[in-house]
Amino acid sequence: MLEGSILQELGTNHQAGHPGKQPLNFGVYYKNTLVALCHALEDCILTSSSQPLVVTAFQRGKWYLQEADRYADLAERSQQIVIMAAPEGGFAEHPTSQKANVELVSLDPDDPVSQEWHLIIFAPTYAAMVLCQELSDADYGAQGQPTQDLERKFYGFWTFESNLVQETIELSIAHIQRYDAALAAKLTAQMEAIAAAQTEKRDDLGPIVVRVVDYLQEGQTALSAQINAYDAERLQRDPLDNNLISNEVQAFLRMAQLTDQADATNSTAAAEVASLAEAIGQLLDLPVWQLHRLKLAGLLHRLAPLQATETVLSPGSFGRYGDDGALSTAPSCPLVPGAQVLRTMPQLRAIATIITHLTECWNGSGQPAGLAGDEIPLESRILGLAAEFQQRLVKLRTAITDTHTPLSQDECMTKALTDCQQQQGDRWDPKLVDALALLVNGFQQGLDLSVSVPKISAGLWLIDSHYGDDLFKAVSEVEGKR
């Protein structure tokens, strides 16, 4: 990362070992994915219930001139917009720059921030951010800087985490202080007012994430058209397409993280359930591709709360898995709200089906489809049991006994397992409860269950592990040079 850049300062603040700071999930993104992400997050400004402070930096002057008209609309819905960029692009002469709540910061040519691509949005009811910089000549390697615009790569990350967005706003204001002290003071006051106005009621980010996915999919279509105009053999479509798909997965994983963070009593549920379900799958000797799918379903399962179905179409005609892991064709599927969001991405439709049937019962009395026994997808049975066991554990850990003595970890696991065993044959598949009992016995004998969330920036491997190879390689190569 460029020394003195905002990305570098933020990354340094979040290096391993810094108290209270979580490491950042950096990734490598092609330009078309960043355009899609920024447009989707900018649309949030137009639909949000509150007006944000927006700080943006354009890596090249000609790009922000292309966005000038769009920023006029964004300014109508924002408290303040600050644009940092080199002065040669002509934006200062555009009418948008004359708006009272639009400020320009003309960066020196040798300022490292002039090589960054930022979109930082901080509002009382939501926050969002894209923070990247283009790879250096050394990062691009022997092939050198790309000659085609869509081949350009950027290093960074994007997030909806409010605390992280506020921290980056503060770093940006400190950088602006070098150019305009009065503007920096004004922005500090606005930032503090927004932070003070934040409440527990936040904007629903579900539609925002769906919009991110829609823009990425539109970008994929546009990419195909551009590739047809270039030398397809030289350009190699797969890495570009895979980068887009990976970002779609990232969008849903980030929404799942927000769901967990909003639950003060069970803020690590998705990661714990995913790890537990994967461990049960390993005991059953499931193939690697199925373990990957099970883990991804675990990470996303809270997007579809355990609730009744809104609509059921053609009862009994639901997707089934064949021996090869493919989902057989079926006329329809229950419209469980959270699972339906996942169906906007074709690669996650199997995950949506797994999540849809979490609340089925072994005896056929469950929802949403009344499936029974082996009619229920195996991953749904595993994930449903893992989620139930984890939720019971959390309640028992915080329960107050008659003697006001909290239960030990072993006691909590024994009680949670007993509760599940009492429902085997009715709610749960008996052989899966037996597998859970073996796992609990292992835990009580010292077996450690590693609970971790995979790097969101490389989430594509959870769909198909070989797809992620190029992304992991690109990220590791860049990080090795930082």
Protein backbone atom coordinates (compact mmCIF):
# COMPACT_ATOMS: atom_id res chain seq x y z
CA MET A 1 0.00 0.00 0.00
CA LEU A 2 1.16 3.54 -0.73
CA GLU A 3 2.85 5.11 2.27
CA GLY A 4 0.70 7.93 3.63
CA SER A 5 -2.47 6.82 1.86
CA ILE A 6 -5.72 6.51 3.79
CA LEU A 7 -5.89 2.79 2.97
CA GLN A 8 -2.38 2.30 4.37
CA GLU A 9 -3.17 4.24 7.56
CA LEU A 10 -6.35 2.27 8.16
CA GLY A 11 -4.58 -1.02 7.47
CA THR A 12 -1.82 -0.12 9.94
CA ASN A 13 -4.43 0.65 12.59
CA HIS A 14 -5.90 -2.82 12.12
CA GLN A 15 -2.75 -4.90 12.02
CA ALA A 16 -2.74 -8.03 14.15
CA GLY A 17 -2.01 -7.26 17.78
CA HIS A 18 -3.69 -3.87 17.93
CA PRO A 19 -6.11 -4.02 20.89
CA GLY A 20 -9.77 -3.69 19.95
CA LYS A 21 -9.04 -3.73 16.21
CA GLN A 22 -10.03 -6.55 13.86
CA PRO A 23 -7.83 -7.30 10.83
CA LEU A 24 -9.33 -6.10 7.55
CA ASN A 25 -10.46 -8.42 4.74
CA PHE A 26 -8.51 -7.05 1.78
CA GLY A 27 -9.14 -8.27 -1.75
CA VAL A 28 -8.13 -7.60 -5.34
CA TYR A 29 -10.88 -6.15 -7.55
CA TYR A 30 -11.14 -5.42 -11.24
CA LYS A 31 -12.32 -1.96 -12.19
CA ASN A 32 -15.74 -3.13 -13.38
CA THR A 33 -16.53 -4.64 -9.97
CA LEU A 34 -15.64 -1.36 -8.25
CA VAL A 35 -17.85 0.63 -10.62
CA ALA A 36 -20.74 -1.71 -9.84
CA LEU A 37 -20.15 -1.53 -6.08
CA CYS A 38 -19.89 2.27 -6.05
CA HIS A 39 -23.02 2.76 -8.14
CA ALA A 40 -25.00 0.45 -5.87
CA LEU A 41 -23.83 2.20 -2.70
CA GLU A 42 -24.47 5.62 -4.26
CA ASP A 43 -28.04 4.53 -4.94
CA CYS A 44 -28.40 3.96 -1.21
CA ILE A 45 -27.98 7.70 -0.73
CA LEU A 46 -31.02 8.29 -2.93
CA THR A 47 -33.23 5.86 -0.97
CA SER A 48 -31.94 6.22 2.60
CA SER A 49 -34.14 7.62 5.36
CA SER A 50 -31.34 9.97 6.49
CA GLN A 51 -28.86 12.26 4.82
CA PRO A 52 -25.19 11.22 4.91
CA LEU A 53 -21.80 12.82 4.93
CA VAL A 54 -20.05 11.57 1.77
CA VAL A 55 -16.29 11.68 1.20
CA THR A 56 -15.02 10.39 -2.12
CA ALA A 57 -11.72 10.24 -3.98
CA PHE A 58 -11.36 9.51 -7.69
CA GLN A 59 -8.17 7.80 -8.78
CA ARG A 60 -8.13 9.58 -12.14
CA GLY A 61 -9.55 12.99 -12.98
CA LYS A 62 -11.42 11.91 -16.09
CA TRP A 63 -13.49 9.41 -14.10
CA TYR A 64 -14.99 11.90 -11.68
CA LEU A 65 -15.89 14.27 -14.51
CA GLN A 66 -17.98 11.45 -15.99
CA GLU A 67 -19.87 11.21 -12.66
CA ALA A 68 -20.51 14.94 -12.22
CA ASP A 69 -24.19 14.88 -13.18
CA ARG A 70 -24.84 11.87 -10.97
CA TYR A 71 -23.23 13.67 -8.03
CA ALA A 72 -25.62 16.57 -8.52
CA ASP A 73 -28.47 14.18 -7.71
CA LEU A 74 -26.56 12.68 -4.79
CA ALA A 75 -25.95 16.15 -3.37
CA GLU A 76 -29.72 16.71 -3.14
CA ARG A 77 -29.94 13.80 -0.69
CA SER A 78 -26.74 14.43 1.28
CA GLN A 79 -25.70 16.70 4.11
CA GLN A 80 -22.29 17.20 2.56
CA ILE A 81 -20.22 15.79 -0.30
CA VAL A 82 -16.45 16.19 -0.37
CA ILE A 83 -14.57 15.20 -3.53
CA MET A 84 -10.82 14.65 -3.36
CA ALA A 85 -9.00 14.43 -6.69
CA ALA A 86 -6.27 15.91 -8.85
CA PRO A 87 -7.35 19.31 -10.21
CA GLU A 88 -6.79 18.68 -13.92
CA GLY A 89 -10.06 16.89 -14.68
CA GLY A 90 -12.23 19.98 -15.09
CA PHE A 91 -14.72 19.12 -12.35
CA ALA A 92 -14.32 22.54 -10.72
CA GLU A 93 -16.00 24.11 -13.76
CA HIS A 94 -18.97 21.74 -13.64
CA PRO A 95 -22.24 23.11 -12.11
CA THR A 96 -22.26 20.34 -9.50
CA SER A 97 -19.18 21.83 -7.85
CA GLN A 98 -21.08 25.10 -7.33
CA LYS A 99 -23.65 23.50 -5.01
CA ALA A 100 -23.50 24.75 -1.43
CA ASN A 101 -22.98 21.30 0.05
CA VAL A 102 -20.33 20.13 -2.44
CA GLU A 103 -16.67 20.82 -1.64
CA LEU A 104 -13.62 20.05 -3.78
CA VAL A 105 -10.19 19.23 -2.39
CA SER A 106 -7.56 19.51 -5.13
CA LEU A 107 -4.85 17.03 -4.25
CA ASP A 108 -1.18 17.55 -4.98
CA PRO A 109 0.04 15.26 -7.81
CA ASP A 110 2.40 13.43 -5.45
CA ASP A 111 -0.26 12.93 -2.74
CA PRO A 112 -0.77 9.17 -2.33
CA VAL A 113 -4.52 9.73 -1.87
CA SER A 114 -4.65 10.88 -5.50
CA GLN A 115 -3.97 7.24 -6.40
CA GLU A 116 -6.89 5.95 -4.32
CA TRP A 117 -10.52 5.21 -5.15
CA HIS A 118 -12.82 5.99 -2.21
CA LEU A 119 -16.53 6.17 -1.55
CA ILE A 120 -17.27 6.70 2.14
CA ILE A 121 -20.90 7.19 3.25
CA PHE A 122 -21.73 7.94 6.90
CA ALA A 123 -25.36 8.52 7.90
CA PRO A 124 -27.38 8.23 11.14
CA THR A 125 -29.20 5.13 9.87
CA TYR A 126 -26.52 3.33 7.83
CA ALA A 127 -22.91 3.40 6.70
CA ALA A 128 -21.09 2.02 3.66
CA MET A 129 -17.65 2.29 2.15
CA VAL A 130 -15.42 1.26 -0.74
CA LEU A 131 -11.72 1.91 -0.13
CA CYS A 132 -9.15 0.88 -2.77
CA GLN A 133 -6.00 1.87 -4.63
CA GLU A 134 -4.68 0.62 -7.95
CA LEU A 135 -1.97 -2.01 -7.97
CA SER A 136 1.53 -0.67 -8.49
CA ASP A 137 3.86 -1.58 -11.35
CA ALA A 138 5.56 -4.08 -9.04
CA ASP A 139 2.20 -5.63 -8.13
CA TYR A 140 1.24 -6.10 -11.78
CA GLY A 141 4.48 -7.98 -12.30
CA ALA A 142 6.25 -8.82 -15.53
CA GLN A 143 3.20 -8.13 -17.71
CA GLY A 144 3.24 -4.49 -16.58
CA GLN A 145 0.36 -2.03 -16.44
CA PRO A 146 -2.67 -3.21 -18.47
CA THR A 147 -3.44 -1.49 -21.74
CA GLN A 148 -7.21 -2.08 -21.51
CA ASP A 149 -9.18 -0.21 -18.87
CA LEU A 150 -11.28 -3.18 -17.71
CA GLU A 151 -8.09 -5.14 -16.92
CA ARG A 152 -6.98 -2.68 -14.23
CA LYS A 153 -6.88 -4.12 -10.71
CA PHE A 154 -7.36 -2.48 -7.33
CA TYR A 155 -6.44 -3.56 -3.82
CA GLY A 156 -8.71 -2.81 -0.87
CA PHE A 157 -12.08 -3.71 0.60
CA TRP A 158 -15.68 -2.61 1.11
CA THR A 159 -17.90 -2.76 4.16
CA PHE A 160 -21.12 -1.70 5.88
CA GLU A 161 -19.55 -1.59 9.38
CA SER A 162 -20.42 1.79 10.91
CA ASN A 163 -17.46 1.99 13.31
CA LEU A 164 -15.01 1.24 10.52
CA VAL A 165 -16.62 3.82 8.23
CA GLN A 166 -16.44 6.47 10.96
CA GLU A 167 -12.78 5.65 11.60
CA THR A 168 -12.04 6.11 7.89
CA ILE A 169 -13.97 9.39 7.79
CA GLU A 170 -11.76 10.62 10.63
CA LEU A 171 -8.62 9.65 8.71
CA SER A 172 -9.97 11.43 5.63
CA ILE A 173 -10.70 14.57 7.60
CA ALA A 174 -7.16 14.52 9.01
CA HIS A 175 -5.87 14.36 5.44
CA ILE A 176 -8.15 17.21 4.32
CA GLN A 177 -6.83 19.29 7.24
CA ARG A 178 -3.56 19.69 5.31
CA TYR A 179 -5.41 21.43 2.48
CA ASP A 180 -8.34 23.22 4.14
CA ALA A 181 -8.47 23.57 7.92
CA ALA A 182 -11.87 25.27 7.91
CA LEU A 183 -13.43 22.49 5.85
CA ALA A 184 -11.87 19.87 8.13
CA ALA A 185 -13.42 21.54 11.17
CA LYS A 186 -16.81 21.68 9.46
CA LEU A 187 -16.62 17.99 8.53
CA THR A 188 -15.61 17.02 12.07
CA ALA A 189 -18.69 18.75 13.46
CA GLN A 190 -20.93 17.02 10.90
CA MET A 191 -19.39 13.62 11.61
CA GLU A 192 -19.83 14.03 15.37
CA ALA A 193 -23.46 15.11 14.92
CA ILE A 194 -24.20 12.06 12.76
CA ALA A 195 -22.52 9.75 15.27
CA ALA A 196 -24.58 11.25 18.09
CA ALA A 197 -27.79 10.87 16.07
CA GLN A 198 -27.31 7.16 15.43
CA THR A 199 -30.03 5.00 16.92
CA GLU A 200 -30.76 1.30 17.17
CA LYS A 201 -33.23 1.66 14.30
CA ARG A 202 -31.15 1.26 11.15
CA ASP A 203 -32.05 1.20 7.48
CA ASP A 204 -32.75 -2.28 6.15
CA LEU A 205 -29.62 -3.23 4.24
CA GLY A 206 -31.23 -6.22 2.56
CA PRO A 207 -32.43 -4.22 -0.47
CA ILE A 208 -29.04 -2.50 -0.60
CA VAL A 209 -27.23 -5.84 -0.85
CA VAL A 210 -29.67 -7.02 -3.52
CA ARG A 211 -28.92 -3.82 -5.43
CA VAL A 212 -25.18 -4.55 -5.16
CA VAL A 213 -25.77 -8.00 -6.65
CA ASP A 214 -27.97 -6.55 -9.42
CA TYR A 215 -25.27 -4.04 -10.40
CA LEU A 216 -22.61 -6.75 -10.36
CA GLN A 217 -24.73 -8.95 -12.60
CA GLU A 218 -25.36 -6.05 -14.96
CA GLY A 219 -21.62 -5.45 -14.95
CA GLN A 220 -21.07 -9.06 -15.91
CA THR A 221 -23.34 -8.62 -18.94
CA ALA A 222 -21.54 -5.44 -19.94
CA LEU A 223 -18.23 -7.19 -19.45
CA SER A 224 -19.18 -9.90 -21.94
CA ALA A 225 -19.95 -7.26 -24.55
CA GLN A 226 -16.64 -5.50 -23.95
CA ILE A 227 -14.69 -8.74 -24.09
CA ASN A 228 -16.20 -9.56 -27.47
CA ALA A 229 -14.72 -6.30 -28.72
CA TYR A 230 -11.23 -7.20 -27.53
CA ASP A 231 -8.84 -10.09 -28.12
CA ALA A 232 -10.60 -12.79 -26.07
CA GLU A 233 -7.57 -15.08 -25.96
CA ARG A 234 -5.35 -12.36 -24.51
CA LEU A 235 -7.92 -10.93 -22.13
CA GLN A 236 -9.01 -14.24 -20.56
CA ARG A 237 -12.57 -13.87 -19.38
CA ASP A 238 -12.62 -16.31 -16.45
CA PRO A 239 -10.68 -14.24 -13.88
CA LEU A 240 -12.87 -11.20 -14.59
CA ASP A 241 -16.11 -13.16 -14.37
CA ASN A 242 -14.98 -14.95 -11.23
CA ASN A 243 -14.12 -11.63 -9.60
CA LEU A 244 -17.67 -10.41 -10.22
CA ILE A 245 -19.21 -13.62 -8.86
CA SER A 246 -16.95 -13.49 -5.80
CA ASN A 247 -18.18 -9.97 -5.03
CA GLU A 248 -21.79 -11.11 -5.25
CA VAL A 249 -21.01 -13.76 -2.63
CA GLN A 250 -19.27 -11.09 -0.56
CA ALA A 251 -22.41 -8.94 -0.60
CA PHE A 252 -24.51 -11.67 0.98
CA LEU A 253 -21.82 -12.60 3.50
CA ARG A 254 -21.61 -8.97 4.59
CA MET A 255 -25.38 -8.80 5.01
CA ALA A 256 -25.21 -11.97 7.13
CA GLN A 257 -22.51 -10.38 9.28
CA LEU A 258 -24.76 -7.39 9.91
CA THR A 259 -27.58 -9.73 10.94
CA ASP A 260 -25.31 -11.32 13.52
CA GLN A 261 -23.94 -8.02 14.77
CA ALA A 262 -27.48 -6.79 15.40
CA ASP A 263 -28.06 -9.72 17.81
CA ALA A 264 -26.34 -8.69 21.01
CA THR A 265 -27.00 -12.06 22.68
CA ASN A 266 -25.74 -14.25 19.82
CA SER A 267 -23.41 -12.17 17.67
CA THR A 268 -21.28 -15.09 16.42
CA ALA A 269 -24.14 -17.45 15.61
CA ALA A 270 -23.47 -17.81 11.88
CA ALA A 271 -19.78 -18.67 12.28
CA GLU A 272 -20.48 -21.13 15.11
CA VAL A 273 -23.34 -22.84 13.27
CA ALA A 274 -21.29 -23.07 10.06
CA SER A 275 -18.36 -24.70 11.90
CA LEU A 276 -20.65 -27.06 13.82
CA ALA A 277 -22.53 -28.11 10.68
CA GLU A 278 -19.26 -28.66 8.83
CA ALA A 279 -18.00 -30.87 11.70
CA ILE A 280 -21.16 -32.99 11.56
CA GLY A 281 -20.72 -33.27 7.80
CA GLN A 282 -17.15 -34.46 8.30
CA LEU A 283 -18.35 -37.16 10.70
CA LEU A 284 -20.75 -38.29 7.97
CA ASP A 285 -17.83 -38.34 5.51
CA LEU A 286 -19.48 -35.91 3.11
CA PRO A 287 -17.43 -34.90 0.05
CA VAL A 288 -15.53 -31.61 0.08
CA TRP A 289 -17.89 -29.85 -2.33
CA GLN A 290 -20.81 -30.65 -0.02
CA LEU A 291 -18.92 -29.47 3.06
CA HIS A 292 -18.20 -26.17 1.29
CA ARG A 293 -21.88 -25.76 0.43
CA LEU A 294 -22.89 -26.66 3.98
CA LYS A 295 -20.50 -24.11 5.45
CA LEU A 296 -21.70 -21.34 3.13
CA ALA A 297 -25.33 -22.16 4.00
CA GLY A 298 -24.37 -21.93 7.67
CA LEU A 299 -22.80 -18.52 7.22
CA LEU A 300 -25.93 -17.27 5.41
CA HIS A 301 -28.67 -19.12 7.28
CA ARG A 302 -29.74 -16.19 9.46
CA LEU A 303 -30.84 -14.24 6.40
CA ALA A 304 -33.94 -16.44 6.52
CA PRO A 305 -35.27 -16.31 10.10
CA LEU A 306 -37.01 -19.45 11.28
CA GLN A 307 -40.49 -18.33 10.39
CA ALA A 308 -43.57 -19.41 8.52
CA THR A 309 -43.53 -19.23 4.75
CA GLU A 310 -45.18 -16.24 3.11
CA THR A 311 -46.34 -18.22 0.10
CA VAL A 312 -46.16 -21.88 -0.85
CA LEU A 313 -46.47 -22.86 -4.50
CA SER A 314 -47.33 -26.39 -5.61
CA PRO A 315 -46.79 -28.23 -2.29
CA GLY A 316 -44.55 -31.24 -2.65
CA SER A 317 -42.82 -30.05 -5.84
CA PHE A 318 -39.54 -28.96 -4.38
CA GLY A 319 -35.94 -29.27 -5.56
CA ARG A 320 -34.12 -32.49 -4.66
CA TYR A 321 -30.44 -33.34 -4.74
CA GLY A 322 -29.11 -36.11 -6.95
CA ASP A 323 -26.08 -38.29 -6.24
CA ASP A 324 -23.89 -35.82 -8.13
CA GLY A 325 -24.95 -32.97 -5.86
CA ALA A 326 -26.98 -31.21 -8.54
CA LEU A 327 -30.39 -29.84 -7.66
CA SER A 328 -33.05 -31.56 -9.75
CA THR A 329 -35.54 -29.42 -11.60
CA ALA A 330 -38.77 -28.61 -9.80
CA PRO A 331 -41.70 -26.33 -10.67
CA SER A 332 -41.39 -24.11 -7.63
CA CYS A 333 -40.13 -23.61 -4.12
CA PRO A 334 -41.57 -22.00 -0.96
CA LEU A 335 -41.00 -18.25 -0.88
CA VAL A 336 -39.20 -17.96 2.45
CA PRO A 337 -38.24 -14.25 2.51
CA GLY A 338 -34.54 -14.45 3.35
CA ALA A 339 -33.92 -17.43 1.10
CA GLN A 340 -35.64 -15.70 -1.80
CA VAL A 341 -33.06 -12.89 -1.59
CA LEU A 342 -30.34 -15.45 -2.31
CA ARG A 343 -32.14 -16.64 -5.43
CA THR A 344 -31.18 -13.40 -7.18
CA MET A 345 -27.78 -15.04 -7.67
CA PRO A 346 -27.93 -18.30 -9.69
CA GLN A 347 -24.87 -19.76 -7.94
CA LEU A 348 -26.66 -19.49 -4.56
CA ARG A 349 -29.95 -21.12 -5.50
CA ALA A 350 -28.89 -24.46 -4.01
CA ILE A 351 -27.94 -22.58 -0.81
CA ALA A 352 -31.37 -20.93 -0.83
CA THR A 353 -33.04 -24.35 -1.02
CA ILE A 354 -30.98 -25.63 1.93
CA ILE A 355 -31.96 -22.60 4.03
CA THR A 356 -35.60 -22.78 2.92
CA HIS A 357 -36.05 -26.24 4.45
CA LEU A 358 -34.29 -25.65 7.79
CA THR A 359 -37.62 -25.77 9.60
CA GLU A 360 -38.87 -29.06 8.16
CA CYS A 361 -39.44 -31.88 10.68
CA TRP A 362 -38.35 -35.50 10.32
CA ASN A 363 -41.96 -36.63 10.92
CA GLY A 364 -43.36 -34.30 8.23
CA SER A 365 -45.03 -31.81 10.57
CA GLY A 366 -42.69 -28.90 9.83
CA GLN A 367 -42.68 -25.92 7.50
CA PRO A 368 -42.64 -24.67 4.83
CA ALA A 369 -43.31 -27.73 2.66
CA GLY A 370 -44.19 -30.51 5.10
CA LEU A 371 -41.34 -32.69 3.82
CA ALA A 372 -40.56 -35.82 5.85
CA GLY A 373 -37.57 -38.09 6.37
CA ASP A 374 -35.13 -38.27 3.48
CA GLU A 375 -37.33 -35.93 1.44
CA ILE A 376 -35.70 -33.13 3.43
CA PRO A 377 -32.33 -32.16 1.86
CA LEU A 378 -29.50 -33.60 3.97
CA GLU A 379 -27.79 -30.22 4.34
CA SER A 380 -31.06 -28.72 5.62
CA ARG A 381 -31.34 -31.45 8.25
CA ILE A 382 -27.74 -30.96 9.37
CA LEU A 383 -27.95 -27.17 9.42
CA GLY A 384 -31.29 -27.10 11.23
CA LEU A 385 -29.94 -29.33 13.99
CA ALA A 386 -26.69 -27.36 14.27
CA ALA A 387 -28.60 -24.06 14.52
CA GLU A 388 -30.94 -25.45 17.18
CA PHE A 389 -28.06 -26.86 19.25
CA GLN A 390 -26.11 -23.60 19.03
CA GLN A 391 -29.10 -21.50 20.04
CA ARG A 392 -29.79 -23.74 23.03
CA LEU A 393 -26.14 -23.48 24.08
CA VAL A 394 -26.25 -19.69 24.00
CA LYS A 395 -29.39 -19.60 26.16
CA LEU A 396 -27.93 -22.06 28.66
CA ARG A 397 -24.66 -20.15 28.93
CA THR A 398 -26.53 -17.06 30.09
CA ALA A 399 -29.22 -18.84 32.11
CA ILE A 400 -29.45 -18.31 35.86
CA THR A 401 -29.95 -21.55 37.81
CA ASP A 402 -31.92 -21.94 41.04
CA THR A 403 -28.64 -21.66 42.92
CA HIS A 404 -27.62 -18.60 40.89
CA THR A 405 -24.60 -20.53 39.66
CA PRO A 406 -24.01 -20.51 35.91
CA LEU A 407 -23.76 -23.90 34.24
CA SER A 408 -20.34 -25.10 33.13
CA GLN A 409 -19.61 -25.50 29.42
CA ASP A 410 -19.88 -29.29 29.72
CA GLU A 411 -23.20 -28.99 31.52
CA CYS A 412 -24.53 -26.64 28.86
CA MET A 413 -23.55 -29.03 26.05
CA THR A 414 -25.05 -32.03 27.86
CA LYS A 415 -28.33 -30.22 28.46
CA ALA A 416 -28.54 -28.87 24.89
CA LEU A 417 -27.81 -32.35 23.49
CA THR A 418 -30.41 -33.96 25.75
CA ASP A 419 -33.04 -31.50 24.55
CA CYS A 420 -32.24 -32.40 20.93
CA GLN A 421 -32.26 -36.13 21.70
CA GLN A 422 -35.75 -35.83 23.15
CA GLN A 423 -36.93 -34.62 19.73
CA GLN A 424 -35.17 -37.21 17.56
CA GLY A 425 -37.56 -39.08 15.33
CA ASP A 426 -40.03 -36.21 15.50
CA ARG A 427 -38.11 -32.98 14.83
CA TRP A 428 -34.67 -34.38 14.01
CA ASP A 429 -33.15 -37.15 11.92
CA PRO A 430 -32.06 -39.78 14.52
CA LYS A 431 -28.76 -40.57 12.77
CA LEU A 432 -27.81 -36.88 12.79
CA VAL A 433 -28.56 -36.61 16.50
CA ASP A 434 -26.27 -39.61 17.02
CA ALA A 435 -23.54 -37.80 15.06
CA LEU A 436 -24.08 -34.69 17.17
CA ALA A 437 -23.76 -36.82 20.33
CA LEU A 438 -20.39 -38.14 19.11
CA LEU A 439 -19.26 -34.58 18.44
CA VAL A 440 -20.36 -33.33 21.87
CA ASN A 441 -18.55 -36.25 23.51
CA GLY A 442 -15.44 -35.21 21.59
CA PHE A 443 -15.79 -31.61 22.79
CA GLN A 444 -16.08 -32.81 26.38
CA GLN A 445 -12.95 -34.91 25.89
CA GLY A 446 -10.96 -31.90 24.71
CA LEU A 447 -11.73 -31.72 20.97
CA ASP A 448 -11.46 -28.13 19.79
CA LEU A 449 -13.94 -26.76 17.24
CA SER A 450 -12.27 -24.01 15.26
CA VAL A 451 -14.80 -21.23 14.71
CA SER A 452 -13.71 -18.86 11.95
CA VAL A 453 -15.23 -16.96 9.06
CA PRO A 454 -13.37 -17.32 5.75
CA LYS A 455 -11.94 -14.18 4.18
CA ILE A 456 -14.97 -12.50 2.70
CA SER A 457 -12.79 -11.06 -0.03
CA ALA A 458 -12.26 -14.58 -1.38
CA GLY A 459 -15.68 -16.05 -0.65
CA LEU A 460 -16.02 -17.59 -4.11
CA TRP A 461 -14.18 -20.76 -3.05
CA LEU A 462 -17.20 -21.69 -0.92
CA ILE A 463 -19.18 -22.20 -4.12
CA ASP A 464 -16.46 -24.05 -5.97
CA SER A 465 -12.96 -24.19 -4.52
CA HIS A 466 -11.08 -24.04 -7.84
CA TYR A 467 -12.77 -20.74 -8.75
CA GLY A 468 -11.03 -18.98 -5.89
CA ASP A 469 -7.47 -19.93 -6.87
CA ASP A 470 -6.79 -16.80 -8.94
CA LEU A 471 -8.26 -14.52 -6.29
CA PHE A 472 -6.32 -16.11 -3.42
CA LYS A 473 -3.14 -15.91 -5.50
CA ALA A 474 -3.70 -12.25 -6.37
CA VAL A 475 -4.46 -11.27 -2.76
CA SER A 476 -1.51 -13.20 -1.32
CA GLU A 477 0.91 -11.80 -3.89
CA VAL A 478 -0.14 -8.22 -3.20
CA GLU A 479 -0.15 -8.67 0.59
CA GLY A 480 3.32 -10.23 0.37
CA LYS A 481 4.65 -6.98 -1.06
CA ARG A 482 3.06 -4.68 1.51
